[in-house]
Amino acid sequence: MIDRLAPGEEVLFTITALVTAESGSIINTVRVEGDNVDPVEDSNDPVPVGGLDVAILKEVSAQVIRVGEQFEFLITVENISTVTANGLTVTDFISPLVTFRDAINSTGTASFNNATRVVTWQIETLAPGATATLRIIAEATRAGTVSNTARLRTEQRDINEENNTSRTEHIQIDLVIPNVFTPNGDGINDTWEIRGLDELFVSNKLIVVNRYGVEVFRASDYQGDWNGSNLNSGTYYYQLEVTDENGVSTKFTGFVTIIN
């Protein structure tokens, strides 16, 4: 009780409380009354005390990945509330098109179940405003579209479950260099088409020579349109240099047989 409060004067009253149950948001309402009538009725809005809100974000290191290459999933968990999170569990199903290699976690424990193909990441506590990360290292083993959803749950009630899942999608493509084509005009296999070349690499250089080492074809940014129609049937040898989006160059060599 305050006996007297002069004009412009403030009085600070502090209450320290202990939360004893997990009940989501708490609304604390304060009411002020006086003996004399206040001509200005100010609104005393309820003050919400925020509940737990944790969020998850999953990212993949590339949108197009060559079969046989390693890549990463990055999972970030953040406590965006003012309440300490306890007993957090993240689960992520790994597609059969992908081979699990390793999991590197900034905190907690992470494991992979070969039978269920599920990565499980457990975090004991996460302070307000804190983040934790998990890197899943994988290898693309088959061509196709890979969709993955990471899911987050906690021991406490989360007041916003819409940010408890995060999904990624990427394409896995195999670079296929045929060793034979038949430019006979039948509309089937008439050109030397290298599958995955445009999708996986930003540039390429191709040189083809005969068995004597004489150059018979050269192209930059090859589009799979060479039919070798000016050459005799036989075996020829190629060198294909490709450059990816990171500027890394790789050379492929081999042979291709032309059957007219």
Protein backbone atom coordinates (compact mmCIF):
# COMPACT_ATOMS: atom_id res chain seq x y z
CA MET A 1 0.00 0.00 0.00
CA ILE A 2 1.27 3.47 -0.93
CA ASP A 3 -0.01 6.25 1.36
CA ARG A 4 0.73 9.14 -0.98
CA LEU A 5 2.04 9.58 -4.55
CA ALA A 6 2.91 13.12 -5.63
CA PRO A 7 2.39 14.32 -9.23
CA GLY A 8 5.19 12.93 -11.49
CA GLU A 9 6.46 10.61 -8.79
CA GLU A 10 7.16 6.91 -9.48
CA VAL A 11 7.29 3.92 -7.17
CA LEU A 12 8.89 0.64 -8.26
CA PHE A 13 7.39 -2.58 -6.92
CA THR A 14 9.19 -5.84 -7.84
CA ILE A 15 7.75 -9.36 -7.52
CA THR A 16 9.98 -12.41 -7.91
CA ALA A 17 8.09 -15.56 -8.87
CA LEU A 18 8.88 -19.21 -9.55
CA VAL A 19 7.17 -21.02 -12.44
CA THR A 20 6.09 -24.43 -11.15
CA ALA A 21 4.17 -25.81 -14.15
CA GLU A 22 4.58 -25.96 -17.92
CA SER A 23 1.51 -24.00 -18.99
CA GLY A 24 2.61 -21.96 -21.99
CA SER A 25 2.12 -18.18 -21.82
CA ILE A 26 1.45 -16.44 -18.51
CA ILE A 27 -0.59 -13.21 -18.36
CA ASN A 28 0.10 -10.91 -15.43
CA THR A 29 -2.44 -8.15 -14.82
CA VAL A 30 -1.81 -5.20 -12.47
CA ARG A 31 -4.64 -3.07 -11.08
CA VAL A 32 -4.16 0.33 -9.38
CA GLU A 33 -6.84 1.97 -7.24
CA GLY A 34 -6.92 5.16 -5.17
CA ASP A 35 -9.17 6.95 -2.68
CA ASN A 36 -9.61 9.95 -4.95
CA VAL A 37 -11.08 9.71 -8.44
CA ASP A 38 -8.59 9.73 -11.38
CA PRO A 39 -10.04 11.92 -14.16
CA VAL A 40 -7.86 10.13 -16.78
CA GLU A 41 -8.49 6.40 -17.05
CA ASP A 42 -5.31 4.95 -18.54
CA SER A 43 -5.52 1.48 -20.01
CA ASN A 44 -3.58 -1.15 -18.08
CA ASP A 45 -2.91 -3.78 -20.76
CA PRO A 46 -2.01 -7.28 -19.61
CA VAL A 47 1.71 -8.02 -19.72
CA PRO A 48 2.35 -11.39 -21.37
CA VAL A 49 5.21 -13.49 -20.02
CA GLY A 50 6.45 -15.45 -23.06
CA GLY A 51 6.53 -19.22 -23.18
CA LEU A 52 9.07 -21.47 -24.90
CA ASP A 53 9.67 -21.02 -28.64
CA VAL A 54 12.44 -22.95 -30.38
CA ALA A 55 12.97 -22.99 -34.15
CA ILE A 56 14.77 -25.26 -36.59
CA LEU A 57 16.34 -24.47 -39.98
CA LYS A 58 17.76 -27.06 -42.38
CA GLU A 59 19.97 -26.19 -45.36
CA VAL A 60 21.75 -28.21 -48.07
CA SER A 61 25.16 -27.24 -49.44
CA ALA A 62 24.11 -27.36 -53.12
CA GLN A 63 20.93 -27.61 -55.16
CA VAL A 64 22.47 -29.85 -57.82
CA ILE A 65 24.87 -32.59 -56.73
CA ARG A 66 26.77 -35.08 -58.85
CA VAL A 67 26.37 -38.76 -58.01
CA GLY A 68 29.48 -39.88 -56.14
CA GLU A 69 30.13 -36.49 -54.54
CA GLN A 70 29.94 -35.69 -50.84
CA PHE A 71 27.82 -32.80 -49.57
CA GLU A 72 26.38 -31.47 -46.32
CA PHE A 73 23.10 -30.83 -44.60
CA LEU A 74 23.30 -28.07 -41.98
CA ILE A 75 20.68 -28.06 -39.22
CA THR A 76 20.45 -25.06 -36.88
CA VAL A 77 18.31 -25.01 -33.74
CA GLU A 78 17.67 -21.65 -32.07
CA ASN A 79 15.92 -20.73 -28.85
CA ILE A 80 14.10 -17.53 -29.81
CA SER A 81 12.28 -17.19 -26.50
CA THR A 82 13.21 -16.00 -23.01
CA VAL A 83 12.74 -19.46 -21.51
CA THR A 84 15.47 -22.12 -21.26
CA ALA A 85 14.64 -25.12 -23.44
CA ASN A 86 15.10 -28.60 -21.99
CA GLY A 87 15.21 -32.03 -23.59
CA LEU A 88 15.41 -31.09 -27.28
CA THR A 89 15.36 -33.85 -29.90
CA VAL A 90 15.92 -33.45 -33.64
CA THR A 91 15.17 -36.28 -36.06
CA ASP A 92 16.00 -36.36 -39.76
CA PHE A 93 15.28 -39.21 -42.20
CA ILE A 94 18.08 -39.80 -44.71
CA SER A 95 16.89 -40.68 -48.22
CA PRO A 96 17.89 -44.07 -49.73
CA LEU A 97 19.42 -42.04 -52.60
CA VAL A 98 22.01 -40.79 -50.09
CA THR A 99 24.69 -42.55 -48.05
CA PHE A 100 25.25 -41.24 -44.53
CA ARG A 101 28.93 -40.55 -43.77
CA ASP A 102 29.19 -38.56 -40.53
CA ALA A 103 27.46 -36.17 -38.13
CA ILE A 104 29.25 -33.29 -36.43
CA ASN A 105 27.31 -31.56 -33.64
CA SER A 106 28.21 -28.38 -31.77
CA THR A 107 26.52 -29.66 -28.62
CA GLY A 108 24.58 -32.68 -27.41
CA THR A 109 24.82 -36.15 -28.93
CA ALA A 110 24.04 -37.30 -32.47
CA SER A 111 23.64 -40.81 -33.90
CA PHE A 112 22.51 -42.55 -37.08
CA ASN A 113 20.34 -45.69 -37.15
CA ASN A 114 21.18 -47.77 -40.22
CA ALA A 115 17.94 -49.75 -40.01
CA THR A 116 15.57 -46.77 -39.88
CA ARG A 117 17.91 -44.36 -41.72
CA VAL A 118 17.16 -41.68 -39.10
CA VAL A 119 19.64 -39.23 -37.61
CA THR A 120 18.76 -38.40 -33.99
CA TRP A 121 20.28 -35.35 -32.31
CA GLN A 122 19.63 -34.76 -28.61
CA ILE A 123 20.37 -31.52 -26.76
CA GLU A 124 20.01 -31.39 -22.99
CA THR A 125 19.44 -27.62 -22.63
CA LEU A 126 19.45 -24.54 -24.84
CA ALA A 127 19.58 -21.12 -23.21
CA PRO A 128 17.43 -18.18 -24.39
CA GLY A 129 18.90 -16.71 -27.58
CA ALA A 130 21.35 -19.60 -28.00
CA THR A 131 21.86 -21.68 -31.17
CA ALA A 132 23.20 -25.16 -31.84
CA THR A 133 24.26 -26.73 -35.14
CA LEU A 134 24.49 -30.20 -36.63
CA ARG A 135 26.37 -30.96 -39.85
CA ILE A 136 25.35 -34.15 -41.62
CA ILE A 137 27.95 -35.27 -44.15
CA ALA A 138 26.50 -37.48 -46.89
CA GLU A 139 27.27 -38.85 -50.33
CA ALA A 140 24.98 -38.82 -53.35
CA THR A 141 24.73 -42.46 -54.43
CA ARG A 142 21.88 -42.46 -56.95
CA ALA A 143 20.30 -39.95 -59.30
CA GLY A 144 16.97 -38.39 -58.38
CA THR A 145 15.26 -35.71 -56.31
CA VAL A 146 16.00 -35.83 -52.60
CA SER A 147 13.59 -34.27 -50.10
CA ASN A 148 14.43 -34.18 -46.41
CA THR A 149 12.52 -32.82 -43.43
CA ALA A 150 14.14 -32.26 -40.05
CA ARG A 151 11.79 -32.25 -37.04
CA LEU A 152 12.28 -30.70 -33.60
CA ARG A 153 10.52 -31.47 -30.34
CA THR A 154 11.11 -30.53 -26.70
CA GLU A 155 10.08 -31.79 -23.27
CA GLN A 156 8.28 -28.50 -22.66
CA ARG A 157 5.31 -27.19 -24.56
CA ASP A 158 6.35 -25.02 -27.52
CA ILE A 159 3.97 -22.07 -28.02
CA ASN A 160 4.77 -21.97 -31.76
CA GLU A 161 5.07 -25.37 -33.45
CA GLU A 162 5.04 -23.95 -36.98
CA ASN A 163 8.81 -23.46 -36.88
CA ASN A 164 9.55 -26.96 -35.56
CA THR A 165 10.09 -28.51 -39.00
CA SER A 166 12.35 -27.52 -41.88
CA ARG A 167 12.57 -29.10 -45.35
CA THR A 168 15.23 -29.15 -48.05
CA GLU A 169 15.17 -30.47 -51.61
CA HIS A 170 17.98 -31.00 -54.09
CA ILE A 171 18.66 -32.89 -57.31
CA GLN A 172 21.28 -35.61 -57.73
CA ILE A 173 22.53 -36.10 -61.27
CA ASP A 174 24.94 -38.65 -62.70
CA LEU A 175 27.46 -37.55 -65.34
CA VAL A 176 27.09 -40.17 -68.08
CA ILE A 177 29.63 -40.18 -70.93
CA PRO A 178 28.52 -42.77 -73.51
CA ASN A 179 31.22 -44.89 -75.16
CA VAL A 180 29.30 -45.38 -78.41
CA PHE A 181 26.85 -43.53 -80.67
CA THR A 182 25.39 -44.27 -84.09
CA PRO A 183 24.99 -41.26 -86.42
CA ASN A 184 23.00 -43.14 -89.07
CA GLY A 185 20.07 -40.73 -89.29
CA ASP A 186 17.47 -42.98 -87.65
CA GLY A 187 16.81 -40.44 -84.89
CA ILE A 188 18.12 -42.77 -82.19
CA ASN A 189 21.51 -42.12 -80.57
CA ASP A 190 22.58 -39.98 -83.53
CA THR A 191 24.65 -37.56 -81.45
CA TRP A 192 27.11 -37.92 -78.62
CA GLU A 193 24.97 -36.75 -75.73
CA ILE A 194 26.71 -36.42 -72.37
CA ARG A 195 24.02 -36.48 -69.69
CA GLY A 196 24.38 -34.13 -66.73
CA LEU A 197 26.99 -31.91 -68.37
CA ASP A 198 24.94 -28.69 -68.40
CA GLU A 199 23.27 -29.31 -65.04
CA LEU A 200 26.45 -30.05 -63.09
CA PHE A 201 29.01 -27.68 -64.59
CA VAL A 202 29.17 -24.03 -65.61
CA SER A 203 31.62 -24.61 -68.48
CA ASN A 204 33.40 -27.39 -70.35
CA LYS A 205 36.02 -27.98 -73.03
CA LEU A 206 36.02 -31.08 -75.24
CA ILE A 207 38.73 -32.43 -77.55
CA VAL A 208 38.40 -35.64 -79.61
CA VAL A 209 41.33 -37.25 -81.45
CA ASN A 210 41.72 -40.32 -83.63
CA ARG A 211 44.04 -43.24 -82.92
CA TYR A 212 46.95 -41.30 -84.40
CA GLY A 213 46.43 -38.37 -82.05
CA VAL A 214 45.04 -36.12 -84.78
CA GLU A 215 42.32 -33.78 -83.52
CA VAL A 216 38.96 -34.45 -85.19
CA PHE A 217 36.63 -32.37 -83.01
CA ARG A 218 36.89 -29.52 -80.52
CA ALA A 219 34.22 -27.60 -78.63
CA SER A 220 33.79 -25.19 -75.73
CA ASP A 221 30.55 -25.50 -73.73
CA TYR A 222 29.64 -28.66 -75.63
CA GLN A 223 25.88 -29.08 -76.02
CA GLY A 224 25.70 -32.75 -77.01
CA ASP A 225 25.13 -32.00 -80.69
CA TRP A 226 28.20 -33.59 -82.35
CA ASN A 227 27.28 -36.41 -84.71
CA GLY A 228 30.72 -37.29 -86.10
CA SER A 229 29.17 -37.66 -89.55
CA ASN A 230 32.40 -36.62 -91.29
CA LEU A 231 34.35 -39.46 -89.67
CA ASN A 232 34.69 -43.12 -90.44
CA SER A 233 33.36 -45.75 -88.09
CA GLY A 234 35.91 -46.50 -85.41
CA THR A 235 37.17 -45.70 -81.95
CA TYR A 236 38.19 -42.18 -80.97
CA TYR A 237 39.63 -40.75 -77.76
CA TYR A 238 38.41 -37.73 -75.82
CA GLN A 239 39.51 -35.32 -73.12
CA LEU A 240 36.68 -33.49 -71.36
CA GLU A 241 37.55 -30.70 -68.93
CA VAL A 242 34.69 -29.41 -66.79
CA THR A 243 34.47 -26.53 -64.29
CA ASP A 244 31.89 -26.37 -61.50
CA GLU A 245 30.28 -23.32 -59.88
CA ASN A 246 33.14 -23.11 -57.35
CA GLY A 247 35.74 -22.84 -60.11
CA VAL A 248 37.07 -26.36 -59.56
CA SER A 249 38.14 -28.09 -62.79
CA THR A 250 38.14 -31.84 -63.45
CA LYS A 251 39.36 -33.77 -66.48
CA PHE A 252 37.77 -36.93 -67.86
CA THR A 253 39.44 -39.07 -70.51
CA GLY A 254 38.24 -42.14 -72.37
CA PHE A 255 37.14 -43.50 -75.70
CA VAL A 256 34.00 -43.33 -77.81
CA THR A 257 33.13 -45.57 -80.72
CA ILE A 258 31.29 -44.22 -83.77
CA ILE A 259 29.20 -46.69 -85.76
CA ASN A 260 27.84 -45.18 -88.96
